[in-house]
C-alpha cells in the first residue's frame, strides 16, 4: 500500500534557498512574490518565502504571512496532500519478512 509522506518527514526534507527564482526545483506554476526572494523548498517543489515579518505563503487565492513557519508548513502540506502532490511512500514493512518453512 502507498501512503503520502508524513508531515514530519516532508517538513524535515525542506531546505533553505537563497534565490527561489533560480532554483530548478520550484514548481512551474508558482510565482515568486518578490524578486531575489529566499525561502524554503519542500518535496514536490513547493515553496514558502521569507518575508519582512518572517514567512509568506500563497495557496490558491489565500495569502498568509507570519513568523510561525510550522503553521505555514502545515497549511502547505495539507494543500499538497489534497492535490495529490506528495510523493507516496511504501507502507510495506522495511524489514524483510520471514519466509515460511518448507516441509518435504
PDB file of N, CA and C in Angstrom:
ATOM      1  N   UNK A   1       0.850  -1.183   0.000  1.00  0.00           N
ATOM      2  CA  UNK A   1       0.000   0.000   0.000  1.00  0.00           C
ATOM      3  C   UNK A   1       0.892   1.241   0.000  1.00  0.00           C
ATOM      4  N   UNK A   2       0.467   2.277  -0.719  1.00  0.00           N
ATOM      5  CA  UNK A   2       1.224   3.525  -0.810  1.00  0.00           C
ATOM      6  C   UNK A   2       0.514   4.618  -0.007  1.00  0.00           C
ATOM      7  N   UNK A   3       1.277   5.326   0.824  1.00  0.00           N
ATOM      8  CA  UNK A   3       0.760   6.430   1.613  1.00  0.00           C
ATOM      9  C   UNK A   3       1.581   7.668   1.300  1.00  0.00           C
ATOM     10  N   UNK A   4       0.996   8.871   1.463  1.00  0.00           N
ATOM     11  CA  UNK A   4       1.816  10.070   1.255  1.00  0.00           C
ATOM     12  C   UNK A   4       2.866  10.175   2.354  1.00  0.00           C
ATOM     13  N   UNK A   5       3.933  10.863   2.051  1.00  0.00           N
ATOM     14  CA  UNK A   5       4.986  11.112   3.017  1.00  0.00           C
ATOM     15  C   UNK A   5       4.377  11.787   4.252  1.00  0.00           C
ATOM     16  N   UNK A   6       4.868  11.456   5.433  1.00  0.00           N
ATOM     17  CA  UNK A   6       4.314  12.057   6.652  1.00  0.00           C
ATOM     18  C   UNK A   6       4.662  13.544   6.707  1.00  0.00           C
ATOM     19  N   UNK A   7       3.888  14.285   7.478  1.00  0.00           N
ATOM     20  CA  UNK A   7       4.143  15.714   7.637  1.00  0.00           C
ATOM     21  C   UNK A   7       5.549  15.951   8.169  1.00  0.00           C
ATOM     22  N   UNK A   8       5.930  15.218   9.195  1.00  0.00           N
ATOM     23  CA  UNK A   8       7.244  15.429   9.806  1.00  0.00           C
ATOM     24  C   UNK A   8       8.375  15.123   8.828  1.00  0.00           C
ATOM     25  N   UNK A   9       8.250  14.045   8.070  1.00  0.00           N
ATOM     26  CA  UNK A   9       9.281  13.705   7.079  1.00  0.00           C
ATOM     27  C   UNK A   9       9.326  14.750   5.967  1.00  0.00           C
ATOM     28  N   UNK A  10       8.157  15.226   5.551  1.00  0.00           N
ATOM     29  CA  UNK A  10       8.074  16.231   4.485  1.00  0.00           C
ATOM     30  C   UNK A  10       8.730  17.533   4.919  1.00  0.00           C
ATOM     31  N   UNK A  11       8.376  18.013   6.123  1.00  0.00           N
ATOM     32  CA  UNK A  11       8.926  19.304   6.574  1.00  0.00           C
ATOM     33  C   UNK A  11      10.416  19.194   6.855  1.00  0.00           C
ATOM     34  N   UNK A  12      10.884  18.045   7.335  1.00  0.00           N
ATOM     35  CA  UNK A  12      12.307  17.840   7.586  1.00  0.00           C
ATOM     36  C   UNK A  12      13.094  17.839   6.277  1.00  0.00           C
ATOM     37  N   UNK A  13      12.463  17.396   5.202  1.00  0.00           N
ATOM     38  CA  UNK A  13      13.130  17.354   3.898  1.00  0.00           C
ATOM     39  C   UNK A  13      13.208  18.730   3.234  1.00  0.00           C
ATOM     40  N   UNK A  14      12.511  19.730   3.786  1.00  0.00           N
ATOM     41  CA  UNK A  14      12.589  21.091   3.250  1.00  0.00           C
ATOM     42  C   UNK A  14      14.006  21.633   3.381  1.00  0.00           C
ATOM     43  N   UNK A  15      14.348  22.541   2.479  1.00  0.00           N
ATOM     44  CA  UNK A  15      15.705  23.112   2.519  1.00  0.00           C
ATOM     45  C   UNK A  15      15.655  24.608   2.271  1.00  0.00           C
ATOM     46  N   UNK A  16      16.619  25.321   2.883  1.00  0.00           N
ATOM     47  CA  UNK A  16      16.734  26.764   2.685  1.00  0.00           C
ATOM     48  C   UNK A  16      17.337  27.055   1.319  1.00  0.00           C
ATOM     49  N   UNK A  17      16.818  28.093   0.670  1.00  0.00           N
ATOM     50  CA  UNK A  17      17.296  28.501  -0.644  1.00  0.00           C
ATOM     51  C   UNK A  17      17.454  30.019  -0.640  1.00  0.00           C
ATOM     52  N   UNK A  18      18.585  30.490  -1.120  1.00  0.00           N
ATOM     53  CA  UNK A  18      18.852  31.939  -1.151  1.00  0.00           C
ATOM     54  C   UNK A  18      18.097  32.664  -2.261  1.00  0.00           C
ATOM     55  N   UNK A  19      17.935  32.028  -3.430  1.00  0.00           N
ATOM     56  CA  UNK A  19      17.249  32.665  -4.562  1.00  0.00           C
ATOM     57  C   UNK A  19      16.260  31.673  -5.159  1.00  0.00           C
ATOM     58  N   UNK A  20      14.995  31.799  -4.784  1.00  0.00           N
ATOM     59  CA  UNK A  20      13.982  30.841  -5.211  1.00  0.00           C
ATOM     60  C   UNK A  20      13.787  30.826  -6.721  1.00  0.00           C
ATOM     61  N   UNK A  21      13.898  31.999  -7.355  1.00  0.00           N
ATOM     62  CA  UNK A  21      13.672  32.061  -8.810  1.00  0.00           C
ATOM     63  C   UNK A  21      14.703  31.262  -9.596  1.00  0.00           C
ATOM     64  N   UNK A  22      15.887  31.116  -9.078  1.00  0.00           N
ATOM     65  CA  UNK A  22      16.919  30.425  -9.832  1.00  0.00           C
ATOM     66  C   UNK A  22      16.995  28.934  -9.499  1.00  0.00           C
ATOM     67  N   UNK A  23      16.175  28.466  -8.583  1.00  0.00           N
ATOM     68  CA  UNK A  23      16.218  27.058  -8.202  1.00  0.00           C
ATOM     69  C   UNK A  23      15.346  26.239  -9.139  1.00  0.00           C
ATOM     70  N   UNK A  24      15.904  25.180  -9.696  1.00  0.00           N
ATOM     71  CA  UNK A  24      15.200  24.354 -10.671  1.00  0.00           C
ATOM     72  C   UNK A  24      14.071  23.522 -10.066  1.00  0.00           C
ATOM     73  N   UNK A  25      14.064  23.363  -8.759  1.00  0.00           N
ATOM     74  CA  UNK A  25      13.063  22.504  -8.138  1.00  0.00           C
ATOM     75  C   UNK A  25      11.725  23.205  -7.910  1.00  0.00           C
ATOM     76  N   UNK A  26      11.686  24.537  -7.931  1.00  0.00           N
ATOM     77  CA  UNK A  26      10.437  25.275  -7.698  1.00  0.00           C
ATOM     78  C   UNK A  26       9.443  24.906  -8.799  1.00  0.00           C
ATOM     79  N   UNK A  27       8.223  24.570  -8.407  1.00  0.00           N
ATOM     80  CA  UNK A  27       7.230  24.148  -9.390  1.00  0.00           C
ATOM     81  C   UNK A  27       6.918  25.276 -10.370  1.00  0.00           C
ATOM     82  N   UNK A  28       6.648  24.905 -11.583  1.00  0.00           N
ATOM     83  CA  UNK A  28       6.469  25.877 -12.658  1.00  0.00           C
ATOM     84  C   UNK A  28       5.279  26.808 -12.430  1.00  0.00           C
ATOM     85  N   UNK A  29       4.226  26.318 -11.764  1.00  0.00           N
ATOM     86  CA  UNK A  29       3.039  27.150 -11.600  1.00  0.00           C
ATOM     87  C   UNK A  29       3.175  28.164 -10.472  1.00  0.00           C
ATOM     88  N   UNK A  30       4.245  28.109  -9.717  1.00  0.00           N
ATOM     89  CA  UNK A  30       4.405  29.009  -8.580  1.00  0.00           C
ATOM     90  C   UNK A  30       5.085  30.296  -9.022  1.00  0.00           C
ATOM     91  N   UNK A  31       4.508  31.445  -8.676  1.00  0.00           N
ATOM     92  CA  UNK A  31       5.104  32.743  -8.978  1.00  0.00           C
ATOM     93  C   UNK A  31       5.708  33.304  -7.697  1.00  0.00           C
ATOM     94  N   UNK A  32       6.989  33.616  -7.724  1.00  0.00           N
ATOM     95  CA  UNK A  32       7.673  34.177  -6.572  1.00  0.00           C
ATOM     96  C   UNK A  32       7.192  35.616  -6.379  1.00  0.00           C
ATOM     97  N   UNK A  33       6.800  35.960  -5.148  1.00  0.00           N
ATOM     98  CA  UNK A  33       6.222  37.282  -4.870  1.00  0.00           C
ATOM     99  C   UNK A  33       7.250  38.402  -4.998  1.00  0.00           C
ATOM    100  N   UNK A  34       8.454  38.176  -4.533  1.00  0.00           N
ATOM    101  CA  UNK A  34       9.487  39.208  -4.535  1.00  0.00           C
ATOM    102  C   UNK A  34      10.679  38.761  -5.365  1.00  0.00           C
ATOM    103  N   UNK A  35      11.258  39.649  -6.186  1.00  0.00           N
ATOM    104  CA  UNK A  35      12.469  39.286  -6.915  1.00  0.00           C
ATOM    105  C   UNK A  35      13.582  38.943  -5.920  1.00  0.00           C
ATOM    106  N   UNK A  36      14.393  37.972  -6.268  1.00  0.00           N
ATOM    107  CA  UNK A  36      15.520  37.533  -5.429  1.00  0.00           C
ATOM    108  C   UNK A  36      15.061  37.046  -4.058  1.00  0.00           C
ATOM    109  N   UNK A  37      13.834  36.551  -3.970  1.00  0.00           N
ATOM    110  CA  UNK A  37      13.308  36.074  -2.690  1.00  0.00           C
ATOM    111  C   UNK A  37      14.030  34.818  -2.242  1.00  0.00           C
ATOM    112  N   UNK A  38      14.249  34.720  -0.945  1.00  0.00           N
ATOM    113  CA  UNK A  38      14.783  33.494  -0.368  1.00  0.00           C
ATOM    114  C   UNK A  38      13.632  32.789   0.341  1.00  0.00           C
ATOM    115  N   UNK A  39      13.868  31.570   0.754  1.00  0.00           N
ATOM    116  CA  UNK A  39      12.822  30.836   1.447  1.00  0.00           C
ATOM    117  C   UNK A  39      13.183  29.386   1.616  1.00  0.00           C
ATOM    118  N   UNK A  40      12.143  28.553   1.646  1.00  0.00           N
ATOM    119  CA  UNK A  40      12.342  27.115   1.798  1.00  0.00           C
ATOM    120  C   UNK A  40      11.601  26.394   0.684  1.00  0.00           C
ATOM    121  N   UNK A  41      12.233  25.326   0.188  1.00  0.00           N
ATOM    122  CA  UNK A  41      11.619  24.455  -0.816  1.00  0.00           C
ATOM    123  C   UNK A  41      11.394  23.097  -0.170  1.00  0.00           C
ATOM    124  N   UNK A  42      10.213  22.546  -0.432  1.00  0.00           N
ATOM    125  CA  UNK A  42       9.812  21.262   0.135  1.00  0.00           C
ATOM    126  C   UNK A  42       9.629  20.249  -0.988  1.00  0.00           C
ATOM    127  N   UNK A  43       9.589  18.958  -0.652  1.00  0.00           N
ATOM    128  CA  UNK A  43       9.362  17.942  -1.689  1.00  0.00           C
ATOM    129  C   UNK A  43       8.155  18.296  -2.552  1.00  0.00           C
ATOM    130  N   UNK A  44       8.326  18.105  -3.827  1.00  0.00           N
ATOM    131  CA  UNK A  44       7.293  18.484  -4.788  1.00  0.00           C
ATOM    132  C   UNK A  44       7.521  19.872  -5.353  1.00  0.00           C
ATOM    133  N   UNK A  45       8.617  20.538  -4.930  1.00  0.00           N
ATOM    134  CA  UNK A  45       8.926  21.871  -5.430  1.00  0.00           C
ATOM    135  C   UNK A  45       8.067  22.959  -4.824  1.00  0.00           C
ATOM    136  N   UNK A  46       7.441  22.690  -3.707  1.00  0.00           N
ATOM    137  CA  UNK A  46       6.558  23.658  -3.051  1.00  0.00           C
ATOM    138  C   UNK A  46       7.377  24.629  -2.207  1.00  0.00           C
ATOM    139  N   UNK A  47       6.902  25.865  -2.112  1.00  0.00           N
ATOM    140  CA  UNK A  47       7.720  26.963  -1.590  1.00  0.00           C
ATOM    141  C   UNK A  47       7.015  27.746  -0.487  1.00  0.00           C
ATOM    142  N   UNK A  48       7.796  28.131   0.516  1.00  0.00           N
ATOM    143  CA  UNK A  48       7.405  29.157   1.480  1.00  0.00           C
ATOM    144  C   UNK A  48       8.505  30.216   1.428  1.00  0.00           C
ATOM    145  N   UNK A  49       8.109  31.464   1.162  1.00  0.00           N
ATOM    146  CA  UNK A  49       9.083  32.553   1.020  1.00  0.00           C
ATOM    147  C   UNK A  49       9.388  33.213   2.362  1.00  0.00           C
ATOM    148  N   UNK A  50      10.597  33.741   2.479  1.00  0.00           N
ATOM    149  CA  UNK A  50      10.928  34.604   3.616  1.00  0.00           C
ATOM    150  C   UNK A  50      10.294  35.964   3.363  1.00  0.00           C
ATOM    151  N   UNK A  51       9.904  36.632   4.448  1.00  0.00           N
ATOM    152  CA  UNK A  51       9.336  37.978   4.320  1.00  0.00           C
ATOM    153  C   UNK A  51       9.892  38.846   5.448  1.00  0.00           C
ATOM    154  N   UNK A  52       9.520  40.102   5.423  1.00  0.00           N
ATOM    155  CA  UNK A  52       9.975  41.022   6.476  1.00  0.00           C
ATOM    156  C   UNK A  52       9.476  40.600   7.853  1.00  0.00           C
ATOM    157  N   UNK A  53       8.316  39.948   7.897  1.00  0.00           N
ATOM    158  CA  UNK A  53       7.747  39.537   9.176  1.00  0.00           C
ATOM    159  C   UNK A  53       8.039  38.084   9.517  1.00  0.00           C
ATOM    160  N   UNK A  54       8.743  37.409   8.666  1.00  0.00           N
ATOM    161  CA  UNK A  54       9.079  36.001   8.907  1.00  0.00           C
ATOM    162  C   UNK A  54       8.922  35.169   7.657  1.00  0.00           C
ATOM    163  N   UNK A  55       7.668  34.752   7.367  1.00  0.00           N
ATOM    164  CA  UNK A  55       7.410  33.835   6.256  1.00  0.00           C
ATOM    165  C   UNK A  55       6.128  34.226   5.530  1.00  0.00           C
ATOM    166  N   UNK A  56       6.086  33.935   4.214  1.00  0.00           N
ATOM    167  CA  UNK A  56       4.933  34.255   3.372  1.00  0.00           C
ATOM    168  C   UNK A  56       4.570  33.020   2.567  1.00  0.00           C
ATOM    169  N   UNK A  57       3.274  32.723   2.489  1.00  0.00           N
ATOM    170  CA  UNK A  57       2.772  31.589   1.723  1.00  0.00           C
ATOM    171  C   UNK A  57       1.521  32.014   0.977  1.00  0.00           C
ATOM    172  N   UNK A  58       1.460  31.648  -0.295  1.00  0.00           N
ATOM    173  CA  UNK A  58       0.260  31.856  -1.102  1.00  0.00           C
ATOM    174  C   UNK A  58      -0.189  30.484  -1.608  1.00  0.00           C
ATOM    175  N   UNK A  59      -1.424  30.117  -1.258  1.00  0.00           N
ATOM    176  CA  UNK A  59      -2.002  28.843  -1.692  1.00  0.00           C
ATOM    177  C   UNK A  59      -3.355  29.158  -2.299  1.00  0.00           C
ATOM    178  N   UNK A  60      -3.467  28.931  -3.604  1.00  0.00           N
ATOM    179  CA  UNK A  60      -4.708  29.281  -4.291  1.00  0.00           C
ATOM    180  C   UNK A  60      -4.913  30.780  -4.215  1.00  0.00           C
ATOM    181  N   UNK A  61      -6.059  31.206  -3.701  1.00  0.00           N
ATOM    182  CA  UNK A  61      -6.318  32.639  -3.551  1.00  0.00           C
ATOM    183  C   UNK A  61      -6.149  33.102  -2.095  1.00  0.00           C
ATOM    184  N   UNK A  62      -5.487  32.301  -1.281  1.00  0.00           N
ATOM    185  CA  UNK A  62      -5.252  32.636   0.125  1.00  0.00           C
ATOM    186  C   UNK A  62      -3.787  33.001   0.346  1.00  0.00           C
ATOM    187  N   UNK A  63      -3.544  34.092   1.063  1.00  0.00           N
ATOM    188  CA  UNK A  63      -2.184  34.509   1.403  1.00  0.00           C
ATOM    189  C   UNK A  63      -2.034  34.511   2.913  1.00  0.00           C
ATOM    190  N   UNK A  64      -0.867  34.070   3.367  1.00  0.00           N
ATOM    191  CA  UNK A  64      -0.576  34.006   4.793  1.00  0.00           C
ATOM    192  C   UNK A  64       0.799  34.625   5.017  1.00  0.00           C
ATOM    193  N   UNK A  65       0.941  35.385   6.093  1.00  0.00           N
ATOM    194  CA  UNK A  65       2.241  35.949   6.450  1.00  0.00           C
ATOM    195  C   UNK A  65       2.353  35.912   7.970  1.00  0.00           C
ATOM    196  N   UNK A  66       3.391  35.232   8.459  1.00  0.00           N
ATOM    197  CA  UNK A  66       3.551  35.038   9.896  1.00  0.00           C
ATOM    198  C   UNK A  66       5.000  34.692  10.214  1.00  0.00           C
ATOM    199  N   UNK A  67       5.344  34.785  11.466  1.00  0.00           N
ATOM    200  CA  UNK A  67       6.656  34.357  11.930  1.00  0.00           C
ATOM    201  C   UNK A  67       6.683  32.887  12.293  1.00  0.00           C
ATOM    202  N   UNK A  68       5.515  32.216  12.245  1.00  0.00           N
ATOM    203  CA  UNK A  68       5.385  30.817  12.634  1.00  0.00           C
ATOM    204  C   UNK A  68       5.499  29.911  11.407  1.00  0.00           C
ATOM    205  N   UNK A  69       6.709  29.481  11.109  1.00  0.00           N
ATOM    206  CA  UNK A  69       6.959  28.659   9.927  1.00  0.00           C
ATOM    207  C   UNK A  69       6.169  27.360   9.968  1.00  0.00           C
ATOM    208  N   UNK A  70       6.111  26.701  11.108  1.00  0.00           N
ATOM    209  CA  UNK A  70       5.448  25.400  11.176  1.00  0.00           C
ATOM    210  C   UNK A  70       3.964  25.490  10.842  1.00  0.00           C
ATOM    211  N   UNK A  71       3.303  26.579  11.199  1.00  0.00           N
ATOM    212  CA  UNK A  71       1.877  26.710  10.850  1.00  0.00           C
ATOM    213  C   UNK A  71       1.707  26.828   9.334  1.00  0.00           C
ATOM    214  N   UNK A  72       2.621  27.533   8.670  1.00  0.00           N
ATOM    215  CA  UNK A  72       2.555  27.627   7.205  1.00  0.00           C
ATOM    216  C   UNK A  72       2.902  26.295   6.556  1.00  0.00           C
ATOM    217  N   UNK A  73       3.846  25.580   7.140  1.00  0.00           N
ATOM    218  CA  UNK A  73       4.185  24.249   6.617  1.00  0.00           C
ATOM    219  C   UNK A  73       2.967  23.328   6.693  1.00  0.00           C
ATOM    220  N   UNK A  74       2.206  23.410   7.773  1.00  0.00           N
ATOM    221  CA  UNK A  74       1.008  22.577   7.909  1.00  0.00           C
ATOM    222  C   UNK A  74      -0.031  22.923   6.840  1.00  0.00           C
ATOM    223  N   UNK A  75      -0.207  24.203   6.563  1.00  0.00           N
ATOM    224  CA  UNK A  75      -1.145  24.637   5.515  1.00  0.00           C
ATOM    225  C   UNK A  75      -0.690  24.122   4.153  1.00  0.00           C
ATOM    226  N   UNK A  76       0.598  24.278   3.855  1.00  0.00           N
ATOM    227  CA  UNK A  76       1.130  23.851   2.556  1.00  0.00           C
ATOM    228  C   UNK A  76       1.072  22.336   2.414  1.00  0.00           C
ATOM    229  N   UNK A  77       1.391  21.609   3.476  1.00  0.00           N
ATOM    230  CA  UNK A  77       1.342  20.141   3.447  1.00  0.00           C
ATOM    231  C   UNK A  77      -0.096  19.671   3.182  1.00  0.00           C
ATOM    232  N   UNK A  78      -1.068  20.262   3.865  1.00  0.00           N
ATOM    233  CA  UNK A  78      -2.468  19.880   3.677  1.00  0.00           C
ATOM    234  C   UNK A  78      -2.912  20.143   2.241  1.00  0.00           C
ATOM    235  N   UNK A  79      -2.527  21.305   1.708  1.00  0.00           N
ATOM    236  CA  UNK A  79      -2.833  21.619   0.314  1.00  0.00           C
ATOM    237  C   UNK A  79      -2.217  20.570  -0.619  1.00  0.00           C
ATOM    238  N   UNK A  80      -0.941  20.274  -0.412  1.00  0.00           N
ATOM    239  CA  UNK A  80      -0.236  19.321  -1.274  1.00  0.00           C
ATOM    240  C   UNK A  80      -0.868  17.935  -1.192  1.00  0.00           C
ATOM    241  N   UNK A  81      -1.260  17.510   0.005  1.00  0.00           N
ATOM    242  CA  UNK A  81      -1.904  16.202   0.161  1.00  0.00           C
ATOM    243  C   UNK A  81      -3.253  16.178  -0.554  1.00  0.00           C
ATOM    244  N   UNK A  82      -4.037  17.248  -0.414  1.00  0.00           N
ATOM    245  CA  UNK A  82      -5.345  17.312  -1.069  1.00  0.00           C
ATOM    246  C   UNK A  82      -5.234  17.345  -2.587  1.00  0.00           C
ATOM    247  N   UNK A  83      -4.157  17.917  -3.095  1.00  0.00           N
ATOM    248  CA  UNK A  83      -3.944  18.000  -4.545  1.00  0.00           C
ATOM    249  C   UNK A  83      -3.147  16.807  -5.077  1.00  0.00           C
ATOM    250  N   UNK A  84      -2.839  15.856  -4.198  1.00  0.00           N
ATOM    251  CA  UNK A  84      -2.057  14.666  -4.541  1.00  0.00           C
ATOM    252  C   UNK A  84      -0.696  15.031  -5.117  1.00  0.00           C
ATOM    253  N   UNK A  85      -0.049  16.030  -4.504  1.00  0.00           N
ATOM    254  CA  UNK A  85       1.277  16.470  -4.931  1.00  0.00           C
ATOM    255  C   UNK A  85       2.393  15.837  -4.115  1.00  0.00           C
ATOM    256  N   UNK A  86       2.042  15.036  -3.127  1.00  0.00           N
ATOM    257  CA  UNK A  86       3.048  14.418  -2.275  1.00  0.00           C
ATOM    258  C   UNK A  86       3.436  13.057  -2.833  1.00  0.00           C
ATOM    259  N   UNK A  87       4.734  12.813  -2.892  1.00  0.00           N
ATOM    260  CA  UNK A  87       5.217  11.522  -3.385  1.00  0.00           C
ATOM    261  C   UNK A  87       4.825  10.435  -2.386  1.00  0.00           C
ATOM    262  N   UNK A  88       4.280   9.345  -2.876  1.00  0.00           N
ATOM    263  CA  UNK A  88       3.900   8.277  -1.950  1.00  0.00           C
ATOM    264  C   UNK A  88       5.123   7.540  -1.424  1.00  0.00           C
ATOM    265  N   UNK A  89       4.971   6.998  -0.257  1.00  0.00           N
ATOM    266  CA  UNK A  89       5.987   6.123   0.323  1.00  0.00           C
ATOM    267  C   UNK A  89       5.317   4.790   0.589  1.00  0.00           C
ATOM    268  N   UNK A  90       6.076   3.754   0.562  1.00  0.00           N
ATOM    269  CA  UNK A  90       5.532   2.417   0.746  1.00  0.00           C
ATOM    270  C   UNK A  90       5.149   2.191   2.194  1.00  0.00           C
ATOM    271  N   UNK A  91       4.024   1.554   2.410  1.00  0.00           N
ATOM    272  CA  UNK A  91       3.615   1.176   3.758  1.00  0.00           C
ATOM    273  C   UNK A  91       4.018  -0.263   4.056  1.00  0.00           C
ATOM    274  N   UNK A  92       4.724  -0.860   3.119  1.00  0.00           N
ATOM    275  CA  UNK A  92       5.200  -2.222   3.328  1.00  0.00           C
ATOM    276  C   UNK A  92       6.279  -2.204   4.400  1.00  0.00           C
ATOM    277  N   UNK A  93       6.441  -3.279   5.143  1.00  0.00           N
ATOM    278  CA  UNK A  93       7.476  -3.308   6.175  1.00  0.00           C
ATOM    279  C   UNK A  93       8.853  -3.117   5.563  1.00  0.00           C
ATOM    280  N   UNK A  94       9.695  -2.348   6.251  1.00  0.00           N
ATOM    281  CA  UNK A  94      11.035  -2.118   5.741  1.00  0.00           C
ATOM    282  C   UNK A  94      11.944  -3.302   6.008  1.00  0.00           C
ATOM    283  N   UNK A  95      11.591  -4.146   6.968  1.00  0.00           N
ATOM    284  CA  UNK A  95      12.364  -5.345   7.275  1.00  0.00           C
ATOM    285  C   UNK A  95      11.816  -6.494   6.440  1.00  0.00           C
ATOM    286  N   UNK A  96      12.685  -7.335   5.900  1.00  0.00           N
ATOM    287  CA  UNK A  96      12.160  -8.495   5.170  1.00  0.00           C
ATOM    288  C   UNK A  96      11.397  -9.394   6.126  1.00  0.00           C
ATOM    289  N   UNK A  97      10.304  -9.934   5.637  1.00  0.00           N
ATOM    290  CA  UNK A  97       9.530 -10.853   6.481  1.00  0.00           C
ATOM    291  C   UNK A  97      10.125 -12.235   6.395  1.00  0.00           C
ATOM    292  N   UNK A  98       9.919 -13.009   7.432  1.00  0.00           N
ATOM    293  CA  UNK A  98      10.464 -14.370   7.473  1.00  0.00           C
ATOM    294  C   UNK A  98       9.755 -15.222   6.418  1.00  0.00           C
ATOM    295  N   UNK A  99      10.514 -16.045   5.777  1.00  0.00           N
ATOM    296  CA  UNK A  99       9.958 -16.962   4.777  1.00  0.00           C
ATOM    297  C   UNK A  99       9.362 -18.170   5.504  1.00  0.00           C
ATOM    298  N   UNK A 100       8.247 -18.662   5.016  1.00  0.00           N
ATOM    299  CA  UNK A 100       7.676 -19.864   5.653  1.00  0.00           C
ATOM    300  C   UNK A 100       8.620 -21.056   5.491  1.00  0.00           C
ATOM    301  N   UNK A 101       8.612 -21.934   6.479  1.00  0.00           N
ATOM    302  CA  UNK A 101       9.464 -23.114   6.410  1.00  0.00           C
ATOM    303  C   UNK A 101       8.920 -24.043   5.353  1.00  0.00           C
ATOM    304  N   UNK A 102       9.858 -24.714   4.670  1.00  0.00           N
ATOM    305  CA  UNK A 102       9.456 -25.724   3.686  1.00  0.00           C
ATOM    306  C   UNK A 102       9.479 -27.080   4.348  1.00  0.00           C
ATOM    307  N   UNK A 103       8.445 -27.858   4.080  1.00  0.00           N
ATOM    308  CA  UNK A 103       8.391 -29.225   4.604  1.00  0.00           C
ATOM    309  C   UNK A 103       8.467 -30.163   3.435  1.00  0.00           C
ATOM    310  N   UNK A 104       9.319 -31.164   3.552  1.00  0.00           N
ATOM    311  CA  UNK A 104       9.465 -32.162   2.473  1.00  0.00           C
ATOM    312  C   UNK A 104       8.558 -33.328   2.677  1.00  0.00           C
TER     313      UNK A 104
END
